[in-house]
Amino acid sequence: MDKTITHDQINIHFNKIKFINSITDSIAAYGVQCGLKNFTDDLDMNCGAVPEGEIDQIIDPSSPLEFLSLYTKISCDRFAMTVIQISMLHPNCKKAICSFLRDIGKQNQSDKIASPKNAVSFLENIILEGNIEDTTKEIISSSEKEIVWKSINSMHEKSWNRFKGDINLFYELLETFINAILENTKFIFKRDGELFVVGEK
């Protein structure tokens, strides 16, 4: 195992994989209710699946990074395929997904976010962005009022390209989710072209 990756980091990354998969499963179930009867089977066939269980049950301790890399790709692919296909069913489906992610964001609010740095750290611990060993942010500027970065090594962009989806929808949903988390703080998340910002409202 890469000595620069700690067991705590492995556990956090695994929890991020489980978190996005729980979101995907809920959206996929909604798709089935909307008439996509065989959608979950199609999802498994096209993307694979992450086994259920705790980390010590499904991650080989002799090669955890290989398993995490595989499950990261599977998870991002499953989320992309699910959102892309279900949002195309009807305009109301996109609204329903957006509303669902807003509710999930509100459920994950924290009273410990007192600075942009706190906010970014908190978000990095729950949002799956790329492989555990990859840097996913290129910091452009950082101050007590805001942090600005570019997204790099985004697994989501690769997944959305694979399923020919509009990546702007992904970022719209991400913005909804994050701002629901930050709702009761003095900070806001926004996308400005290729840049992402967490700063004061």
N, C-alpha and C. Protein backbone atom coordinates (compact mmCIF):
# COMPACT_ATOMS: atom_id res chain seq x y z
N MET A 1 0.84 -1.19 0.00
CA MET A 1 0.00 0.00 0.00
C MET A 1 0.87 1.24 0.00
N ASP A 2 0.49 2.26 -0.77
CA ASP A 2 1.20 3.53 -0.80
C ASP A 2 1.22 4.12 0.60
N LYS A 3 2.44 4.38 1.13
CA LYS A 3 2.57 4.86 2.50
C LYS A 3 2.00 6.26 2.68
N THR A 4 1.81 6.99 1.58
CA THR A 4 1.27 8.34 1.71
C THR A 4 -0.25 8.32 1.90
N ILE A 5 -0.86 7.18 1.68
CA ILE A 5 -2.31 7.04 1.87
C ILE A 5 -2.55 6.35 3.20
N THR A 6 -3.23 7.04 4.11
CA THR A 6 -3.46 6.48 5.44
C THR A 6 -4.73 5.65 5.47
N HIS A 7 -4.85 4.87 6.53
CA HIS A 7 -6.07 4.07 6.70
C HIS A 7 -7.29 4.98 6.86
N ASP A 8 -7.12 6.10 7.53
CA ASP A 8 -8.23 7.05 7.67
C ASP A 8 -8.69 7.56 6.31
N GLN A 9 -7.73 7.87 5.44
CA GLN A 9 -8.07 8.35 4.09
C GLN A 9 -8.79 7.27 3.30
N ILE A 10 -8.36 6.03 3.46
CA ILE A 10 -9.02 4.92 2.78
C ILE A 10 -10.46 4.78 3.27
N ASN A 11 -10.67 4.89 4.56
CA ASN A 11 -12.02 4.79 5.12
C ASN A 11 -12.91 5.93 4.65
N ILE A 12 -12.36 7.14 4.62
CA ILE A 12 -13.12 8.30 4.15
C ILE A 12 -13.51 8.11 2.69
N HIS A 13 -12.57 7.66 1.88
CA HIS A 13 -12.87 7.48 0.45
C HIS A 13 -13.92 6.40 0.25
N PHE A 14 -13.80 5.33 1.00
CA PHE A 14 -14.80 4.26 0.91
C PHE A 14 -16.19 4.77 1.29
N ASN A 15 -16.25 5.59 2.33
CA ASN A 15 -17.54 6.16 2.74
C ASN A 15 -18.11 7.09 1.67
N LYS A 16 -17.24 7.79 0.95
CA LYS A 16 -17.71 8.64 -0.15
C LYS A 16 -18.29 7.79 -1.28
N ILE A 17 -17.67 6.66 -1.53
CA ILE A 17 -18.20 5.72 -2.53
C ILE A 17 -19.58 5.22 -2.11
N LYS A 18 -19.71 4.83 -0.85
CA LYS A 18 -21.00 4.34 -0.36
C LYS A 18 -22.06 5.44 -0.42
N PHE A 19 -21.65 6.66 -0.11
CA PHE A 19 -22.58 7.79 -0.09
C PHE A 19 -23.16 8.06 -1.47
N ILE A 20 -22.30 8.16 -2.49
CA ILE A 20 -22.81 8.46 -3.83
C ILE A 20 -23.61 7.28 -4.36
N ASN A 21 -23.26 6.07 -3.97
CA ASN A 21 -24.04 4.92 -4.43
C ASN A 21 -25.42 4.89 -3.80
N SER A 22 -25.53 5.33 -2.56
CA SER A 22 -26.86 5.39 -1.92
C SER A 22 -27.73 6.42 -2.63
N ILE A 23 -27.12 7.53 -3.04
CA ILE A 23 -27.85 8.55 -3.79
C ILE A 23 -28.29 8.00 -5.14
N THR A 24 -27.37 7.34 -5.82
CA THR A 24 -27.68 6.76 -7.13
C THR A 24 -28.79 5.73 -7.03
N ASP A 25 -28.73 4.88 -6.02
CA ASP A 25 -29.76 3.85 -5.85
C ASP A 25 -31.15 4.47 -5.66
N SER A 26 -31.21 5.56 -4.92
CA SER A 26 -32.50 6.22 -4.69
C SER A 26 -33.03 6.84 -5.99
N ILE A 27 -32.16 7.46 -6.75
CA ILE A 27 -32.58 8.05 -8.03
C ILE A 27 -32.99 6.96 -9.01
N ALA A 28 -32.24 5.86 -9.02
CA ALA A 28 -32.57 4.73 -9.91
C ALA A 28 -33.93 4.14 -9.55
N ALA A 29 -34.22 4.04 -8.26
CA ALA A 29 -35.53 3.52 -7.83
C ALA A 29 -36.64 4.45 -8.30
N TYR A 30 -36.38 5.73 -8.28
CA TYR A 30 -37.35 6.71 -8.80
C TYR A 30 -37.56 6.48 -10.30
N GLY A 31 -36.48 6.19 -11.01
CA GLY A 31 -36.59 5.91 -12.45
C GLY A 31 -37.45 4.69 -12.73
N VAL A 32 -37.31 3.67 -11.91
CA VAL A 32 -38.14 2.47 -12.06
C VAL A 32 -39.61 2.83 -11.86
N GLN A 33 -39.89 3.67 -10.86
CA GLN A 33 -41.26 4.11 -10.62
C GLN A 33 -41.81 4.91 -11.80
N CYS A 34 -40.91 5.58 -12.52
CA CYS A 34 -41.32 6.39 -13.66
C CYS A 34 -41.48 5.58 -14.94
N GLY A 35 -41.24 4.26 -14.86
CA GLY A 35 -41.48 3.41 -16.01
C GLY A 35 -40.28 2.68 -16.58
N LEU A 36 -39.07 2.96 -16.06
CA LEU A 36 -37.89 2.25 -16.55
C LEU A 36 -37.74 0.94 -15.77
N LYS A 37 -38.56 -0.03 -16.14
CA LYS A 37 -38.70 -1.25 -15.35
C LYS A 37 -37.40 -2.02 -15.18
N ASN A 38 -36.57 -2.07 -16.22
CA ASN A 38 -35.34 -2.86 -16.17
C ASN A 38 -34.10 -1.99 -15.95
N PHE A 39 -34.31 -0.79 -15.43
CA PHE A 39 -33.19 0.15 -15.37
C PHE A 39 -32.06 -0.34 -14.47
N THR A 40 -32.37 -0.89 -13.32
CA THR A 40 -31.30 -1.32 -12.41
C THR A 40 -30.47 -2.44 -13.04
N ASP A 41 -31.11 -3.33 -13.80
CA ASP A 41 -30.36 -4.37 -14.50
C ASP A 41 -29.46 -3.77 -15.57
N ASP A 42 -29.99 -2.79 -16.30
CA ASP A 42 -29.19 -2.11 -17.33
C ASP A 42 -28.01 -1.38 -16.70
N LEU A 43 -28.25 -0.81 -15.54
CA LEU A 43 -27.20 -0.08 -14.83
C LEU A 43 -26.06 -1.01 -14.44
N ASP A 44 -26.41 -2.16 -13.89
CA ASP A 44 -25.40 -3.14 -13.50
C ASP A 44 -24.63 -3.65 -14.72
N MET A 45 -25.34 -3.87 -15.83
CA MET A 45 -24.71 -4.41 -17.02
C MET A 45 -23.75 -3.41 -17.66
N ASN A 46 -24.12 -2.12 -17.65
CA ASN A 46 -23.30 -1.10 -18.30
C ASN A 46 -22.19 -0.55 -17.42
N CYS A 47 -22.41 -0.57 -16.11
CA CYS A 47 -21.45 0.10 -15.21
C CYS A 47 -20.79 -0.83 -14.21
N GLY A 48 -21.37 -2.00 -13.98
CA GLY A 48 -20.90 -2.81 -12.88
C GLY A 48 -21.58 -2.36 -11.60
N ALA A 49 -21.21 -2.95 -10.50
CA ALA A 49 -21.82 -2.61 -9.21
C ALA A 49 -20.79 -2.71 -8.11
N VAL A 50 -20.98 -1.91 -7.07
CA VAL A 50 -20.14 -1.99 -5.88
C VAL A 50 -20.81 -2.95 -4.91
N PRO A 51 -20.10 -4.00 -4.47
CA PRO A 51 -20.72 -4.97 -3.55
C PRO A 51 -21.18 -4.30 -2.26
N GLU A 52 -22.23 -4.84 -1.68
CA GLU A 52 -22.69 -4.34 -0.39
C GLU A 52 -21.80 -4.90 0.71
N GLY A 53 -21.69 -4.15 1.77
CA GLY A 53 -20.88 -4.61 2.90
C GLY A 53 -19.95 -3.54 3.42
N GLU A 54 -19.29 -3.85 4.52
CA GLU A 54 -18.34 -2.93 5.11
C GLU A 54 -16.99 -3.04 4.41
N ILE A 55 -16.13 -2.10 4.70
CA ILE A 55 -14.87 -1.99 3.96
C ILE A 55 -14.02 -3.26 4.06
N ASP A 56 -13.99 -3.87 5.24
CA ASP A 56 -13.15 -5.05 5.40
C ASP A 56 -13.74 -6.28 4.72
N GLN A 57 -14.99 -6.17 4.27
CA GLN A 57 -15.64 -7.29 3.58
C GLN A 57 -15.45 -7.24 2.07
N ILE A 58 -15.21 -6.04 1.52
CA ILE A 58 -15.16 -5.93 0.05
C ILE A 58 -13.87 -5.30 -0.47
N ILE A 59 -12.99 -4.84 0.41
CA ILE A 59 -11.72 -4.27 -0.01
C ILE A 59 -10.59 -5.18 0.43
N ASP A 60 -9.79 -5.66 -0.52
CA ASP A 60 -8.65 -6.50 -0.21
C ASP A 60 -7.57 -5.64 0.47
N PRO A 61 -7.21 -5.92 1.71
CA PRO A 61 -6.22 -5.09 2.42
C PRO A 61 -4.84 -5.10 1.79
N SER A 62 -4.57 -6.09 0.94
CA SER A 62 -3.25 -6.15 0.29
C SER A 62 -3.17 -5.21 -0.92
N SER A 63 -4.33 -4.78 -1.45
CA SER A 63 -4.32 -3.87 -2.60
C SER A 63 -5.54 -2.96 -2.56
N PRO A 64 -5.67 -2.15 -1.51
CA PRO A 64 -6.88 -1.33 -1.36
C PRO A 64 -7.04 -0.28 -2.45
N LEU A 65 -5.94 0.27 -2.94
CA LEU A 65 -6.05 1.34 -3.93
C LEU A 65 -6.63 0.82 -5.24
N GLU A 66 -6.31 -0.41 -5.60
CA GLU A 66 -6.86 -1.00 -6.83
C GLU A 66 -8.37 -1.15 -6.72
N PHE A 67 -8.83 -1.62 -5.57
CA PHE A 67 -10.26 -1.79 -5.37
C PHE A 67 -10.97 -0.44 -5.31
N LEU A 68 -10.38 0.52 -4.60
CA LEU A 68 -10.99 1.85 -4.50
C LEU A 68 -11.05 2.53 -5.86
N SER A 69 -10.02 2.34 -6.67
CA SER A 69 -10.01 2.92 -8.02
C SER A 69 -11.14 2.33 -8.87
N LEU A 70 -11.29 1.01 -8.80
CA LEU A 70 -12.37 0.34 -9.54
C LEU A 70 -13.73 0.82 -9.08
N TYR A 71 -13.96 0.87 -7.77
CA TYR A 71 -15.26 1.24 -7.25
C TYR A 71 -15.55 2.73 -7.43
N THR A 72 -14.50 3.54 -7.50
CA THR A 72 -14.69 4.97 -7.79
C THR A 72 -15.22 5.15 -9.20
N LYS A 73 -14.61 4.45 -10.16
CA LYS A 73 -15.06 4.54 -11.55
C LYS A 73 -16.48 4.01 -11.69
N ILE A 74 -16.75 2.87 -11.09
CA ILE A 74 -18.10 2.28 -11.15
C ILE A 74 -19.12 3.25 -10.58
N SER A 75 -18.81 3.84 -9.44
CA SER A 75 -19.75 4.73 -8.77
C SER A 75 -20.05 5.97 -9.59
N CYS A 76 -19.02 6.57 -10.17
CA CYS A 76 -19.22 7.77 -10.99
C CYS A 76 -19.98 7.42 -12.27
N ASP A 77 -19.68 6.28 -12.86
CA ASP A 77 -20.42 5.84 -14.05
C ASP A 77 -21.89 5.60 -13.73
N ARG A 78 -22.16 4.96 -12.62
CA ARG A 78 -23.54 4.66 -12.24
C ARG A 78 -24.33 5.95 -12.00
N PHE A 79 -23.71 6.90 -11.32
CA PHE A 79 -24.39 8.16 -11.07
C PHE A 79 -24.68 8.88 -12.38
N ALA A 80 -23.68 8.94 -13.26
CA ALA A 80 -23.86 9.63 -14.55
C ALA A 80 -24.96 8.99 -15.37
N MET A 81 -24.89 7.69 -15.56
CA MET A 81 -25.89 7.00 -16.38
C MET A 81 -27.29 7.19 -15.79
N THR A 82 -27.40 7.09 -14.48
CA THR A 82 -28.71 7.21 -13.82
C THR A 82 -29.30 8.59 -14.03
N VAL A 83 -28.53 9.62 -13.72
CA VAL A 83 -29.06 10.98 -13.82
C VAL A 83 -29.35 11.35 -15.27
N ILE A 84 -28.46 10.99 -16.16
CA ILE A 84 -28.63 11.34 -17.58
C ILE A 84 -29.91 10.72 -18.14
N GLN A 85 -30.07 9.42 -17.93
CA GLN A 85 -31.22 8.73 -18.53
C GLN A 85 -32.54 9.14 -17.88
N ILE A 86 -32.55 9.28 -16.57
CA ILE A 86 -33.81 9.59 -15.89
C ILE A 86 -34.21 11.05 -16.11
N SER A 87 -33.24 11.94 -16.17
CA SER A 87 -33.57 13.35 -16.40
C SER A 87 -34.14 13.59 -17.79
N MET A 88 -33.90 12.66 -18.71
CA MET A 88 -34.41 12.80 -20.07
C MET A 88 -35.85 12.32 -20.21
N LEU A 89 -36.37 11.64 -19.20
CA LEU A 89 -37.72 11.09 -19.30
C LEU A 89 -38.77 12.19 -19.39
N HIS A 90 -38.61 13.23 -18.56
CA HIS A 90 -39.60 14.30 -18.47
C HIS A 90 -38.96 15.45 -17.72
N PRO A 91 -39.30 16.69 -18.06
CA PRO A 91 -38.73 17.83 -17.33
C PRO A 91 -38.92 17.74 -15.82
N ASN A 92 -40.02 17.15 -15.39
CA ASN A 92 -40.26 17.02 -13.96
C ASN A 92 -39.28 16.07 -13.28
N CYS A 93 -38.71 15.14 -14.06
CA CYS A 93 -37.74 14.20 -13.49
C CYS A 93 -36.47 14.94 -13.07
N LYS A 94 -36.02 15.85 -13.89
CA LYS A 94 -34.85 16.65 -13.54
C LYS A 94 -35.12 17.46 -12.29
N LYS A 95 -36.31 18.05 -12.20
CA LYS A 95 -36.68 18.83 -11.01
C LYS A 95 -36.71 17.94 -9.77
N ALA A 96 -37.21 16.72 -9.93
CA ALA A 96 -37.29 15.79 -8.80
C ALA A 96 -35.90 15.40 -8.30
N ILE A 97 -34.98 15.17 -9.24
CA ILE A 97 -33.60 14.82 -8.86
C ILE A 97 -32.95 15.99 -8.13
N CYS A 98 -33.16 17.18 -8.65
CA CYS A 98 -32.61 18.38 -8.04
C CYS A 98 -33.15 18.56 -6.61
N SER A 99 -34.45 18.37 -6.46
CA SER A 99 -35.09 18.50 -5.15
C SER A 99 -34.56 17.45 -4.18
N PHE A 100 -34.37 16.24 -4.67
CA PHE A 100 -33.85 15.15 -3.84
C PHE A 100 -32.44 15.48 -3.34
N LEU A 101 -31.59 15.99 -4.24
CA LEU A 101 -30.22 16.32 -3.84
C LEU A 101 -30.19 17.50 -2.87
N ARG A 102 -31.14 18.41 -3.02
CA ARG A 102 -31.23 19.51 -2.06
C ARG A 102 -31.57 18.96 -0.67
N ASP A 103 -32.49 18.01 -0.62
CA ASP A 103 -32.86 17.40 0.67
C ASP A 103 -31.68 16.66 1.29
N ILE A 104 -30.93 15.93 0.46
CA ILE A 104 -29.76 15.20 0.96
C ILE A 104 -28.73 16.18 1.49
N GLY A 105 -28.55 17.30 0.79
CA GLY A 105 -27.63 18.32 1.26
C GLY A 105 -28.02 18.86 2.62
N LYS A 106 -29.31 19.13 2.79
CA LYS A 106 -29.79 19.66 4.08
C LYS A 106 -29.57 18.66 5.21
N GLN A 107 -29.67 17.37 4.87
CA GLN A 107 -29.45 16.33 5.89
C GLN A 107 -27.99 16.24 6.31
N ASN A 108 -27.10 16.82 5.52
CA ASN A 108 -25.66 16.74 5.80
C ASN A 108 -25.07 18.09 6.20
N GLN A 109 -25.90 18.97 6.70
CA GLN A 109 -25.41 20.27 7.16
C GLN A 109 -24.53 20.09 8.40
N SER A 110 -23.62 21.05 8.59
CA SER A 110 -22.72 21.01 9.74
C SER A 110 -22.62 22.39 10.37
N ASP A 111 -22.53 22.42 11.69
CA ASP A 111 -22.37 23.70 12.39
C ASP A 111 -20.89 24.01 12.67
N LYS A 112 -20.01 23.22 12.04
CA LYS A 112 -18.57 23.41 12.25
C LYS A 112 -17.89 24.12 11.09
N ILE A 113 -18.69 24.63 10.15
CA ILE A 113 -18.12 25.31 8.98
C ILE A 113 -18.04 26.80 9.29
N ALA A 114 -16.85 27.26 9.64
CA ALA A 114 -16.65 28.65 10.05
C ALA A 114 -15.75 29.43 9.10
N SER A 115 -15.26 28.78 8.06
CA SER A 115 -14.37 29.45 7.10
C SER A 115 -14.46 28.73 5.77
N PRO A 116 -14.02 29.36 4.68
CA PRO A 116 -14.00 28.66 3.39
C PRO A 116 -13.16 27.38 3.45
N LYS A 117 -12.06 27.43 4.19
CA LYS A 117 -11.22 26.24 4.32
C LYS A 117 -11.98 25.11 5.00
N ASN A 118 -12.71 25.44 6.07
CA ASN A 118 -13.56 24.44 6.74
C ASN A 118 -14.56 23.84 5.77
N ALA A 119 -15.18 24.72 4.97
CA ALA A 119 -16.21 24.28 4.02
C ALA A 119 -15.64 23.31 3.00
N VAL A 120 -14.51 23.68 2.41
CA VAL A 120 -13.90 22.83 1.37
C VAL A 120 -13.47 21.49 1.97
N SER A 121 -12.87 21.52 3.16
CA SER A 121 -12.45 20.28 3.82
C SER A 121 -13.64 19.37 4.11
N PHE A 122 -14.73 19.97 4.59
CA PHE A 122 -15.93 19.21 4.89
C PHE A 122 -16.47 18.55 3.63
N LEU A 123 -16.54 19.33 2.55
CA LEU A 123 -17.06 18.81 1.29
C LEU A 123 -16.18 17.71 0.72
N GLU A 124 -14.87 17.87 0.86
CA GLU A 124 -13.94 16.86 0.35
C GLU A 124 -14.09 15.53 1.08
N ASN A 125 -14.63 15.57 2.28
CA ASN A 125 -14.79 14.33 3.05
C ASN A 125 -16.08 13.59 2.74
N ILE A 126 -16.98 14.21 1.96
CA ILE A 126 -18.23 13.51 1.64
C ILE A 126 -18.48 13.37 0.13
N ILE A 127 -17.84 14.21 -0.68
CA ILE A 127 -18.11 14.20 -2.12
C ILE A 127 -17.01 13.46 -2.86
N LEU A 128 -17.39 12.44 -3.60
CA LEU A 128 -16.45 11.66 -4.41
C LEU A 128 -16.14 12.45 -5.69
N GLU A 129 -14.86 12.73 -5.92
CA GLU A 129 -14.48 13.51 -7.10
C GLU A 129 -13.57 12.74 -8.05
N GLY A 130 -12.68 11.94 -7.49
CA GLY A 130 -11.74 11.20 -8.32
C GLY A 130 -11.11 10.09 -7.51
N ASN A 131 -10.05 9.50 -8.03
CA ASN A 131 -9.37 8.43 -7.31
C ASN A 131 -8.67 8.97 -6.07
N ILE A 132 -8.50 8.12 -5.09
CA ILE A 132 -7.97 8.54 -3.81
C ILE A 132 -6.57 9.14 -3.92
N GLU A 133 -5.77 8.65 -4.86
CA GLU A 133 -4.40 9.14 -4.98
C GLU A 133 -4.28 10.36 -5.88
N ASP A 134 -5.39 10.79 -6.49
CA ASP A 134 -5.35 11.91 -7.43
C ASP A 134 -5.66 13.23 -6.73
N THR A 135 -4.95 14.28 -7.14
CA THR A 135 -5.31 15.64 -6.74
C THR A 135 -6.46 16.08 -7.62
N THR A 136 -7.55 16.54 -7.03
CA THR A 136 -8.73 16.90 -7.82
C THR A 136 -9.00 18.41 -7.84
N LYS A 137 -8.15 19.16 -7.14
CA LYS A 137 -8.31 20.62 -7.13
C LYS A 137 -6.97 21.30 -7.39
N GLU A 138 -6.99 22.26 -8.28
CA GLU A 138 -5.84 23.16 -8.46
C GLU A 138 -6.25 24.50 -7.86
N ILE A 139 -5.70 24.82 -6.70
CA ILE A 139 -6.08 26.03 -5.99
C ILE A 139 -5.55 27.26 -6.74
N ILE A 140 -6.46 28.16 -7.07
CA ILE A 140 -6.10 29.39 -7.77
C ILE A 140 -5.83 30.51 -6.77
N SER A 141 -6.66 30.61 -5.76
CA SER A 141 -6.45 31.60 -4.71
C SER A 141 -7.14 31.13 -3.44
N SER A 142 -6.61 31.59 -2.31
CA SER A 142 -7.16 31.20 -1.02
C SER A 142 -7.01 32.35 -0.03
N SER A 143 -8.10 32.71 0.62
CA SER A 143 -8.08 33.76 1.61
C SER A 143 -9.10 33.44 2.70
N GLU A 144 -9.22 34.32 3.69
CA GLU A 144 -10.19 34.10 4.75
C GLU A 144 -11.63 34.26 4.25
N LYS A 145 -11.79 34.89 3.08
CA LYS A 145 -13.13 35.14 2.55
C LYS A 145 -13.55 34.14 1.49
N GLU A 146 -12.60 33.60 0.72
CA GLU A 146 -12.99 32.66 -0.33
C GLU A 146 -11.82 31.79 -0.77
N ILE A 147 -12.17 30.64 -1.32
CA ILE A 147 -11.21 29.76 -1.97
C ILE A 147 -11.69 29.54 -3.40
N VAL A 148 -10.78 29.67 -4.34
CA VAL A 148 -11.09 29.50 -5.76
C VAL A 148 -10.21 28.39 -6.31
N TRP A 149 -10.80 27.47 -7.08
CA TRP A 149 -10.02 26.37 -7.63
C TRP A 149 -10.54 25.94 -8.99
N LYS A 150 -9.68 25.19 -9.68
CA LYS A 150 -10.07 24.48 -10.90
C LYS A 150 -10.20 23.00 -10.57
N SER A 151 -11.14 22.34 -11.22
CA SER A 151 -11.29 20.91 -11.05
C SER A 151 -10.35 20.18 -12.00
N ILE A 152 -9.58 19.25 -11.47
CA ILE A 152 -8.69 18.44 -12.30
C ILE A 152 -8.88 16.97 -11.93
N ASN A 153 -8.58 16.11 -12.89
CA ASN A 153 -8.71 14.66 -12.67
C ASN A 153 -10.12 14.26 -12.22
N SER A 154 -11.14 14.95 -12.76
CA SER A 154 -12.50 14.65 -12.36
C SER A 154 -12.99 13.36 -13.01
N MET A 155 -13.31 12.39 -12.18
CA MET A 155 -13.86 11.15 -12.70
C MET A 155 -15.27 11.37 -13.24
N HIS A 156 -15.98 12.34 -12.67
CA HIS A 156 -17.35 12.60 -13.12
C HIS A 156 -17.37 13.09 -14.57
N GLU A 157 -16.45 13.94 -14.93
CA GLU A 157 -16.43 14.44 -16.32
C GLU A 157 -16.21 13.29 -17.30
N LYS A 158 -15.34 12.36 -16.93
CA LYS A 158 -15.10 11.19 -17.79
C LYS A 158 -16.38 10.35 -17.91
N SER A 159 -17.07 10.17 -16.80
CA SER A 159 -18.29 9.36 -16.81
C SER A 159 -19.39 10.02 -17.63
N TRP A 160 -19.55 11.34 -17.46
CA TRP A 160 -20.59 12.04 -18.20
C TRP A 160 -20.27 12.06 -19.69
N ASN A 161 -19.01 12.14 -20.04
CA ASN A 161 -18.63 12.05 -21.46
C ASN A 161 -18.93 10.66 -22.00
N ARG A 162 -18.67 9.64 -21.20
CA ARG A 162 -18.92 8.27 -21.65
C ARG A 162 -20.38 8.06 -22.00
N PHE A 163 -21.28 8.63 -21.20
CA PHE A 163 -22.71 8.44 -21.43
C PHE A 163 -23.35 9.61 -22.17
N LYS A 164 -22.48 10.45 -22.76
CA LYS A 164 -22.93 11.55 -23.63
C LYS A 164 -23.94 12.47 -22.94
N GLY A 165 -23.62 12.80 -21.70
CA GLY A 165 -24.48 13.71 -20.94
C GLY A 165 -23.92 15.11 -20.92
N ASP A 166 -24.76 16.04 -20.56
CA ASP A 166 -24.36 17.44 -20.44
C ASP A 166 -23.74 17.65 -19.06
N ILE A 167 -22.42 17.87 -19.02
CA ILE A 167 -21.72 18.02 -17.75
C ILE A 167 -22.24 19.22 -16.97
N ASN A 168 -22.86 20.16 -17.65
CA ASN A 168 -23.43 21.32 -16.96
C ASN A 168 -24.55 20.90 -16.01
N LEU A 169 -25.27 19.83 -16.36
CA LEU A 169 -26.31 19.31 -15.47
C LEU A 169 -25.67 18.77 -14.19
N PHE A 170 -24.57 18.06 -14.34
CA PHE A 170 -23.88 17.55 -13.15
C PHE A 170 -23.50 18.70 -12.23
N TYR A 171 -22.92 19.76 -12.79
CA TYR A 171 -22.47 20.87 -11.96
C TYR A 171 -23.65 21.66 -11.38
N GLU A 172 -24.76 21.67 -12.10
CA GLU A 172 -25.96 22.31 -11.56
C GLU A 172 -26.46 21.55 -10.34
N LEU A 173 -26.46 20.22 -10.42
CA LEU A 173 -26.89 19.40 -9.29
C LEU A 173 -25.90 19.50 -8.13
N LEU A 174 -24.61 19.54 -8.48
CA LEU A 174 -23.58 19.69 -7.44
C LEU A 174 -23.75 21.00 -6.69
N GLU A 175 -24.03 22.07 -7.43
CA GLU A 175 -24.23 23.37 -6.81
C GLU A 175 -25.44 23.36 -5.87
N THR A 176 -26.52 22.72 -6.31
CA THR A 176 -27.71 22.60 -5.48
C THR A 176 -27.40 21.85 -4.19
N PHE A 177 -26.72 20.73 -4.33
CA PHE A 177 -26.37 19.89 -3.18
C PHE A 177 -25.48 20.63 -2.19
N ILE A 178 -24.43 21.26 -2.70
CA ILE A 178 -23.47 21.93 -1.81
C ILE A 178 -24.12 23.13 -1.11
N ASN A 179 -24.89 23.90 -1.86
CA ASN A 179 -25.49 25.08 -1.25
C ASN A 179 -26.56 24.72 -0.23
N ALA A 180 -27.15 23.54 -0.36
CA ALA A 180 -28.06 23.07 0.69
C ALA A 180 -27.27 22.75 1.96
N ILE A 181 -26.08 22.19 1.80
CA ILE A 181 -25.21 21.93 2.95
C ILE A 181 -24.82 23.24 3.62
N LEU A 182 -24.51 24.25 2.81
CA LEU A 182 -24.01 25.53 3.33
C LEU A 182 -25.12 26.51 3.70
N GLU A 183 -26.35 26.08 3.57
CA GLU A 183 -27.50 26.98 3.71
C GLU A 183 -27.48 27.80 4.99
N ASN A 184 -27.10 27.19 6.09
CA ASN A 184 -27.13 27.88 7.38
C ASN A 184 -25.77 28.44 7.79
N THR A 185 -24.85 28.53 6.83
CA THR A 185 -23.55 29.15 7.07
C THR A 185 -23.54 30.50 6.35
N LYS A 186 -22.43 31.21 6.45
CA LYS A 186 -22.32 32.49 5.76
C LYS A 186 -21.62 32.34 4.41
N PHE A 187 -21.53 31.07 3.93
CA PHE A 187 -20.81 30.80 2.69
C PHE A 187 -21.73 30.26 1.60
N ILE A 188 -21.25 30.41 0.38
CA ILE A 188 -21.98 29.93 -0.79
C ILE A 188 -20.99 29.32 -1.78
N PHE A 189 -21.47 28.33 -2.51
CA PHE A 189 -20.66 27.69 -3.55
C PHE A 189 -21.19 28.11 -4.91
N LYS A 190 -20.28 28.42 -5.83
CA LYS A 190 -20.71 28.76 -7.18
C LYS A 190 -19.66 28.33 -8.19
N ARG A 191 -20.13 28.14 -9.40
CA ARG A 191 -19.26 27.82 -10.53
C ARG A 191 -19.18 29.04 -11.42
N ASP A 192 -17.98 29.41 -11.78
CA ASP A 192 -17.75 30.57 -12.65
C ASP A 192 -16.88 30.14 -13.81
N GLY A 193 -17.53 29.63 -14.86
CA GLY A 193 -16.77 29.10 -15.99
C GLY A 193 -16.04 27.84 -15.57
N GLU A 194 -14.71 27.85 -15.67
CA GLU A 194 -13.90 26.70 -15.28
C GLU A 194 -13.51 26.77 -13.80
N LEU A 195 -13.89 27.84 -13.13
CA LEU A 195 -13.50 28.02 -11.75
C LEU A 195 -14.66 27.68 -10.80
N PHE A 196 -14.28 27.23 -9.60
CA PHE A 196 -15.24 26.94 -8.54
C PHE A 196 -14.86 27.75 -7.32
N VAL A 197 -15.87 28.27 -6.65
CA VAL A 197 -15.63 29.20 -5.54
C VAL A 197 -16.49 28.83 -4.34
N VAL A 198 -15.86 28.81 -3.18
CA VAL A 198 -16.59 28.84 -1.91
C VAL A 198 -16.19 30.13 -1.23
N GLY A 199 -17.18 31.01 -1.04
CA GLY A 199 -16.88 32.31 -0.45
C GLY A 199 -18.05 32.84 0.35
N GLU A 200 -17.86 34.01 0.92
CA GLU A 200 -18.92 34.62 1.72
C GLU A 200 -20.09 35.01 0.84
N LYS A 201 -21.29 34.90 1.40
CA LYS A 201 -22.51 35.24 0.67
C LYS A 201 -22.59 36.76 0.44
